[in-house]
Protein backbone atom coordinates (compact mmCIF):
# COMPACT_ATOMS: atom_id res chain seq x y z
CA MET A 1 -24.53 -20.52 -7.25
CA ARG A 2 -23.09 -17.87 -5.05
CA VAL A 3 -19.41 -18.36 -3.05
CA PRO A 4 -19.16 -17.41 0.28
CA SER A 5 -17.04 -14.50 0.61
CA ARG A 6 -15.89 -14.76 4.30
CA ARG A 7 -14.02 -17.66 6.10
CA PRO A 8 -16.35 -19.40 8.32
CA GLY A 9 -16.29 -17.65 11.94
CA ARG A 10 -17.50 -18.80 15.05
CA PRO A 11 -20.98 -18.06 16.58
CA GLY A 12 -20.78 -14.84 17.96
CA SER A 13 -17.69 -13.67 16.48
CA SER A 14 -17.22 -10.09 15.54
CA ALA A 15 -14.34 -8.21 14.11
CA THR A 16 -11.39 -8.72 15.71
CA ALA A 17 -7.88 -7.14 15.47
CA GLY A 18 -8.75 -5.30 11.89
CA GLY A 19 -11.84 -3.32 13.92
CA PRO A 20 -14.68 -1.92 12.80
CA ILE A 21 -14.33 0.56 9.41
CA ARG A 22 -14.42 3.92 10.54
CA ALA A 23 -12.66 7.03 8.85
CA ALA A 24 -10.42 9.19 10.72
CA ARG A 25 -12.42 12.63 10.24
CA SER A 26 -15.71 13.62 9.23
CA THR A 27 -16.33 14.97 5.70
CA ALA A 28 -16.41 18.29 6.95
CA ALA A 29 -13.10 20.17 7.28
CA ARG A 30 -11.33 17.89 5.73
CA PRO A 31 -7.66 18.65 4.35
CA ASP A 32 -6.68 19.72 1.03
CA LEU A 33 -4.85 16.51 -0.54
CA ASP A 34 -4.43 18.12 -3.72
CA ALA A 35 -2.73 21.19 -2.09
CA TYR A 36 -0.68 18.60 0.03
CA ARG A 37 0.78 16.68 -2.68
CA ALA A 38 1.46 19.94 -4.52
CA ALA A 39 3.35 21.43 -1.29
CA VAL A 40 5.54 17.51 -0.95
CA THR A 41 6.47 17.75 -4.57
CA GLU A 42 7.89 21.22 -3.95
CA LEU A 43 9.46 19.93 -0.51
CA LEU A 44 11.12 17.38 -2.49
CA VAL A 45 13.07 19.65 -4.63
CA GLU A 46 14.59 21.39 -1.71
CA ILE A 47 15.29 17.75 -0.04
CA ARG A 48 16.92 16.92 -3.20
CA ALA A 49 19.47 20.15 -3.25
CA LEU A 50 20.40 19.21 0.52
CA ALA A 51 20.45 15.49 0.33
CA ASP A 52 23.37 16.48 -2.26
CA GLU A 53 25.03 18.74 0.46
CA HIS A 54 24.74 15.59 3.17
CA SER A 55 23.52 18.40 5.24
CA ALA A 56 21.23 16.96 8.49
CA ALA A 57 21.49 19.96 9.96
CA ALA A 58 20.01 21.61 6.88
CA ARG A 59 17.44 19.16 6.13
CA GLN A 60 16.23 19.42 10.13
CA SER A 61 15.65 23.08 9.79
CA LEU A 62 13.61 22.65 6.32
CA LEU A 63 11.26 20.29 7.62
CA THR A 64 11.07 22.21 10.99
CA ASP A 65 9.84 25.17 8.62
CA ARG A 66 7.97 23.61 5.63
CA LEU A 67 6.13 20.91 7.57
CA GLY A 68 4.33 23.70 9.57
CA GLU A 69 3.15 25.34 6.70
CA PRO A 70 -0.71 24.90 6.33
CA ALA A 71 -0.77 23.01 3.18
CA LEU A 72 1.47 20.31 4.87
CA ALA A 73 0.27 20.82 8.62
CA ASP A 74 -3.41 20.14 7.74
CA VAL A 75 -3.30 16.42 7.00
CA LEU A 76 0.09 15.65 9.21
CA ARG A 77 -1.97 17.18 12.06
CA ALA A 78 -4.75 14.91 11.11
CA THR A 79 -2.85 11.40 12.02
CA PRO A 80 -2.00 10.02 15.22
CA GLN A 81 1.62 11.48 15.58
CA GLY A 82 0.77 14.99 14.78
CA VAL A 83 2.89 17.60 13.11
CA ILE A 84 5.89 17.16 15.69
CA GLY A 85 5.79 13.64 15.86
CA ALA A 86 5.60 13.17 11.75
CA ARG A 87 8.50 15.04 11.50
CA GLU A 88 10.48 13.77 14.13
CA THR A 89 9.76 10.01 13.07
CA LEU A 90 10.95 11.78 9.43
CA LEU A 91 13.89 12.92 10.75
CA LEU A 92 14.78 9.28 12.77
CA GLU A 93 13.67 7.67 8.99
CA MET A 94 16.45 9.76 7.54
CA ALA A 95 18.62 9.59 9.94
CA ARG A 96 18.79 5.59 9.84
CA TYR A 97 18.32 5.50 5.73
CA ARG A 98 21.06 3.20 4.35
CA PRO A 99 20.63 2.73 0.20
CA ASN A 100 20.12 -0.94 -0.25
CA ALA A 101 18.33 -3.02 -3.13
CA ARG A 102 15.66 -4.22 -1.21
CA SER A 103 14.61 -0.46 -0.44
CA SER A 104 12.00 1.13 -2.66
CA ALA A 105 13.48 4.36 -1.31
CA ALA A 106 16.32 4.65 -4.23
CA ASP A 107 17.65 7.49 -2.08
CA LEU A 108 16.55 10.59 0.70
CA THR A 109 14.29 12.33 -1.71
CA ALA A 110 12.20 9.25 -2.64
CA LEU A 111 12.13 8.33 1.25
CA VAL A 112 10.55 11.30 2.12
CA ARG A 113 7.79 11.34 -1.25
CA ILE A 114 7.19 8.04 0.47
CA TYR A 115 6.72 8.53 4.14
CA LEU A 116 5.07 12.29 3.56
CA LEU A 117 2.32 10.88 0.98
CA SER A 118 1.65 7.63 3.02
CA ARG A 119 0.35 9.79 5.84
CA ILE A 120 -2.39 10.25 3.62
CA ASP A 121 -3.22 6.65 4.38
CA VAL A 122 -2.56 7.11 8.21
CA MET A 123 -4.87 10.12 8.05
CA TRP A 124 -7.62 8.55 6.39
CA TRP A 125 -7.76 5.30 8.36
CA ALA A 126 -6.59 6.80 12.24
CA THR A 127 -9.37 5.31 14.39
CA THR A 128 -8.59 1.72 12.86
CA SER A 129 -7.12 -0.59 14.60
CA THR A 130 -3.25 -2.81 13.82
CA TYR A 131 -3.24 -5.88 13.18
CA LEU A 132 -0.11 -6.78 15.58
CA THR A 133 0.31 -10.51 14.61
CA ASP A 134 0.15 -12.97 11.49
CA ASP A 135 -1.90 -14.89 13.74
CA GLN A 136 -4.08 -11.63 14.35
CA ILE A 137 -4.69 -11.73 10.49
CA GLN A 138 -5.59 -15.14 9.89
CA ARG A 139 -8.34 -15.52 12.79
CA ASP A 140 -10.19 -12.50 11.60
CA THR A 141 -13.43 -13.68 10.25
CA ASN A 142 -13.94 -10.36 8.14
CA LEU A 143 -11.13 -11.08 6.32
CA VAL A 144 -11.28 -12.73 2.78
CA ASP A 145 -9.31 -15.64 1.53
CA LEU A 146 -7.76 -15.14 -1.72
CA ASP A 147 -6.62 -18.36 -2.71
CA ARG A 148 -10.43 -19.22 -2.60
CA LEU A 149 -11.50 -16.80 -4.46
CA ARG A 150 -8.97 -17.68 -7.06
CA ARG A 151 -9.45 -21.48 -7.11
CA ARG A 152 -13.08 -20.15 -8.10
CA GLY A 153 -11.83 -17.78 -10.76
CA LEU A 154 -13.01 -14.66 -9.46
CA LEU A 155 -10.00 -12.90 -9.28
CA ARG A 156 -8.91 -10.76 -12.70
CA PHE A 157 -5.53 -9.97 -10.91
CA ARG A 158 -2.40 -12.54 -9.88
CA TYR A 159 -0.17 -12.86 -7.10
CA ARG A 160 1.83 -15.56 -6.09
CA ARG A 161 2.47 -17.34 -2.67
CA GLN A 162 5.75 -16.60 -0.80
CA PRO A 163 7.91 -19.65 -0.41
CA GLY A 164 7.51 -21.15 3.58
CA THR A 165 10.53 -23.82 2.89
CA LEU A 166 14.13 -23.64 2.12
CA LEU A 167 13.40 -26.08 -0.75
CA GLY A 168 10.63 -23.42 -1.70
CA ARG A 169 12.70 -20.42 -1.76
CA ALA A 170 15.50 -22.58 -4.05
CA VAL A 171 13.12 -23.41 -6.67
CA ARG A 172 11.99 -19.58 -6.63
CA VAL A 173 15.60 -19.02 -7.33
CA ALA A 174 16.14 -21.54 -10.02
CA GLN A 175 13.06 -20.37 -11.71
CA ARG A 176 14.22 -16.71 -11.60
CA ARG A 177 17.37 -17.97 -13.37
CA ILE A 178 15.88 -19.86 -16.36
CA VAL A 179 12.84 -17.90 -16.78
CA PRO A 180 14.18 -14.41 -15.29
CA HIS A 181 11.42 -12.24 -16.80
CA GLN A 182 8.42 -14.57 -17.10
CA VAL A 183 7.00 -12.72 -13.64
CA PRO A 184 7.82 -9.75 -11.44
CA ARG A 185 10.97 -10.58 -9.43
CA THR A 186 9.09 -10.55 -5.82
CA ALA A 187 8.70 -12.27 -2.82
CA GLY A 188 5.29 -12.66 -3.01
CA LEU A 189 2.71 -12.55 -0.54
CA ARG A 190 3.13 -13.90 3.03
CA ILE A 191 -0.72 -13.86 4.00
CA LEU A 192 -3.29 -14.51 1.76
CA TYR A 193 -6.22 -12.67 3.44
CA ALA A 194 -7.49 -9.74 2.63
CA ARG A 195 -10.69 -7.07 3.42
CA PRO A 196 -13.09 -7.17 0.85
CA GLU A 197 -13.03 -3.99 -0.45
CA PRO A 198 -9.42 -4.00 -1.41
CA VAL A 199 -10.18 -6.78 -3.18
CA SER A 200 -13.01 -5.55 -5.26
CA LEU A 201 -10.89 -1.98 -6.22
CA LEU A 202 -8.09 -4.59 -7.56
CA ASN A 203 -10.43 -6.46 -9.73
CA GLN A 204 -11.77 -3.03 -10.91
CA ILE A 205 -8.51 -1.82 -11.50
CA ALA A 206 -7.27 -5.09 -13.28
CA ALA A 207 -10.04 -4.98 -15.80
CA GLU A 208 -9.70 -1.03 -16.55
CA PHE A 209 -5.94 -1.91 -16.95
CA ALA A 210 -6.73 -5.05 -19.44
CA LEU A 211 -8.86 -2.58 -21.64
CA ALA A 212 -5.75 0.53 -21.67
CA ALA A 213 -2.87 -2.04 -21.90
CA PRO A 214 -1.24 -3.16 -25.02
CA ALA A 215 -2.12 -6.43 -26.76
CA GLY A 216 -0.17 -9.20 -25.10
CA THR A 217 -0.30 -7.77 -21.51
CA PRO A 218 -0.32 -9.90 -18.67
CA PRO A 219 -2.99 -8.96 -15.78
CA LEU A 220 -2.44 -6.69 -12.60
CA TRP A 221 0.01 -8.37 -10.77
CA VAL A 222 -0.11 -7.62 -6.67
CA THR A 223 3.30 -7.75 -4.73
CA SER A 224 1.51 -7.02 -0.99
CA LEU A 225 -1.58 -6.82 0.77
CA THR A 226 -2.32 -7.15 4.39
CA ARG A 227 0.40 -7.40 6.76
CA SER A 228 1.15 -7.36 10.93
CA LEU A 229 3.43 -4.97 12.98
CA GLU A 230 5.58 -7.93 13.16
CA HIS A 231 6.19 -8.07 9.86
CA GLN A 232 6.41 -4.92 9.00
CA TYR A 233 9.39 -4.94 11.77
CA ARG A 234 10.74 -7.80 9.81
CA LEU A 235 11.08 -6.13 6.52
CA ARG A 236 12.31 -2.83 8.42
CA GLN A 237 15.30 -5.12 9.43
CA LEU A 238 15.67 -6.57 5.94
CA GLY A 239 16.39 -2.90 4.75
CA TYR A 240 12.95 -2.66 3.15
CA ALA A 241 11.52 0.78 3.54
CA ALA A 242 8.58 0.06 5.42
CA MET A 243 6.77 3.14 7.18
CA LEU A 244 5.14 3.03 10.55
CA PRO A 245 2.66 3.33 11.10
CA SER A 246 1.28 1.64 8.06
CA SER A 247 -1.98 1.20 6.15
CA HIS A 248 -1.15 -2.48 5.44
CA CYS A 249 -1.08 -2.92 8.83
CA LEU A 250 -5.03 -1.80 8.73
CA GLY A 251 -6.06 -4.14 6.05
CA TRP A 252 -6.57 -0.91 3.52
CA ALA A 253 -3.44 -0.79 2.00
CA VAL A 254 -2.12 -2.78 -1.81
CA ASP A 255 0.85 -2.48 -3.84
CA VAL A 256 0.94 -3.30 -7.44
CA GLU A 257 3.52 -3.89 -9.36
CA MET A 258 4.85 -1.28 -12.20
CA HIS A 259 8.40 -2.14 -13.31
CA TRP A 260 7.81 -5.16 -14.74
CA PHE A 261 5.10 -3.84 -17.16
CA ARG A 262 7.41 -1.83 -18.39
CA ARG A 263 8.90 -4.55 -20.83
CA PHE A 264 5.29 -4.73 -22.36
CA GLY A 265 5.25 -0.83 -22.83
CA ALA A 266 2.35 -1.00 -20.69
CA ALA A 267 3.41 0.91 -17.27
CA GLU A 268 2.29 4.48 -18.49
CA ALA A 269 -1.41 2.70 -19.23
CA LEU A 270 -1.18 1.46 -15.57
CA ALA A 271 -0.13 4.64 -13.62
CA ASN A 272 -2.82 6.52 -15.97
CA VAL A 273 -5.48 4.12 -14.19
CA LEU A 274 -4.23 4.30 -11.16
CA LEU A 275 -4.06 8.04 -10.87
CA GLY A 276 -7.13 8.12 -12.17
CA ARG A 277 -8.60 6.54 -9.53
CA GLN A 278 -6.95 8.92 -6.98
CA ASP A 279 -8.37 11.65 -8.82
CA ALA A 280 -11.50 10.23 -8.40
CA GLY A 281 -10.79 10.15 -4.55
CA GLU A 282 -11.21 6.72 -4.58
CA VAL A 283 -7.04 5.92 -3.26
CA ASN A 284 -4.52 7.28 -2.47
CA VAL A 285 -1.39 6.44 -4.69
CA VAL A 286 2.21 6.05 -3.70
CA ASP A 287 5.17 5.66 -6.39
CA GLU A 288 7.62 3.04 -4.55
CA GLY A 289 9.19 2.53 -7.83
CA GLN A 290 8.92 -1.08 -8.84
CA ALA A 291 5.81 -1.08 -7.31
CA TRP A 292 3.03 1.70 -6.75
CA HIS A 293 1.39 1.69 -3.27
CA LEU A 294 -2.37 2.02 -3.08
CA CYS A 295 -4.81 2.59 -0.21
CA VAL A 296 -8.30 2.63 -0.46
CA ALA A 297 -10.55 6.00 0.64
CA PRO A 298 -12.81 5.77 3.34
CA GLU A 299 -15.30 7.24 1.06
CA ALA A 300 -14.85 4.71 -1.25
CA ALA A 301 -15.27 1.63 1.04
CA PRO A 302 -18.77 1.23 0.93
CA ARG A 303 -19.27 1.33 -2.69
CA LEU A 304 -16.21 -1.34 -3.10
CA ARG A 305 -18.08 -3.60 -0.22
CA GLY A 306 -21.01 -3.34 -2.26
CA ALA A 307 -19.50 -4.17 -5.02
CA TYR A 308 -17.75 -7.14 -3.65
CA ARG A 309 -21.13 -8.45 -2.05
CA GLY A 310 -22.67 -8.18 -5.55
CA GLU A 311 -20.34 -9.65 -7.95
CA LEU A 312 -17.92 -12.07 -5.76
CA GLY A 313 -19.97 -13.49 -3.04
CA GLU A 314 -22.70 -13.08 -0.12
CA CYS A 315 -22.47 -10.57 2.67
């Protein structure tokens, strides 16, 4: 019996906030992502030195010079903000940055790395509509219900729901005290709907990780999927390094736990799996510390969509 892949829709309903799947650019004249990532790495060395000097003026001058170089500018120019907008946004992010335990950016260098590498996502999906509210996500019939798939044993990865009540949060705190390392230390998923393509990708990565990891390693753990713009702003107010624009708000990004798997000697195996997918051109990977961020590449989306339909449900 085939499991329906989508939530029941209204007659005549079509894509809502998520919009049709469209890549930002044609396959011609595509920026060199290897050169972009290498240039980001080089820039981070200089940012780290200037961060030690606490010189905002020097950092601004450096970013003005370096972001205009072809290896970096080719990608930033292809985003909605362009090179100047990306530079000004990054400078604002750096100015407002304050280290805190919640932020995935441990320092200014990490903040710059996360911002610049996540611009690849924004370039890829520049024409995809943003989910503005949680309600838009929950009403989009193009998304799939994770809990529904999990009940049928169709997911190879794990996650847990974010507590929605004060009592639920108290229970979660008590569990962490009693068994602090049983599961990753993460808030959980606020919304349990996702595009089929990231779900298929996560299942494939989970299967590959299970083969590569040491015996006894728990399955892949997902810490974040689809988010609304209103929730992204909420995270920013709480001190998280929640970048704008974000591919999470487009439905194309996921975060997977990394730090917790060090307890099992499996973090390197997981990193190799993720970077192997990036080398194959299927995803963009951003090391965010405790969790790693993944965004589906437009070229991989049709294959992942087909895999989902073939393995998890009907079209």
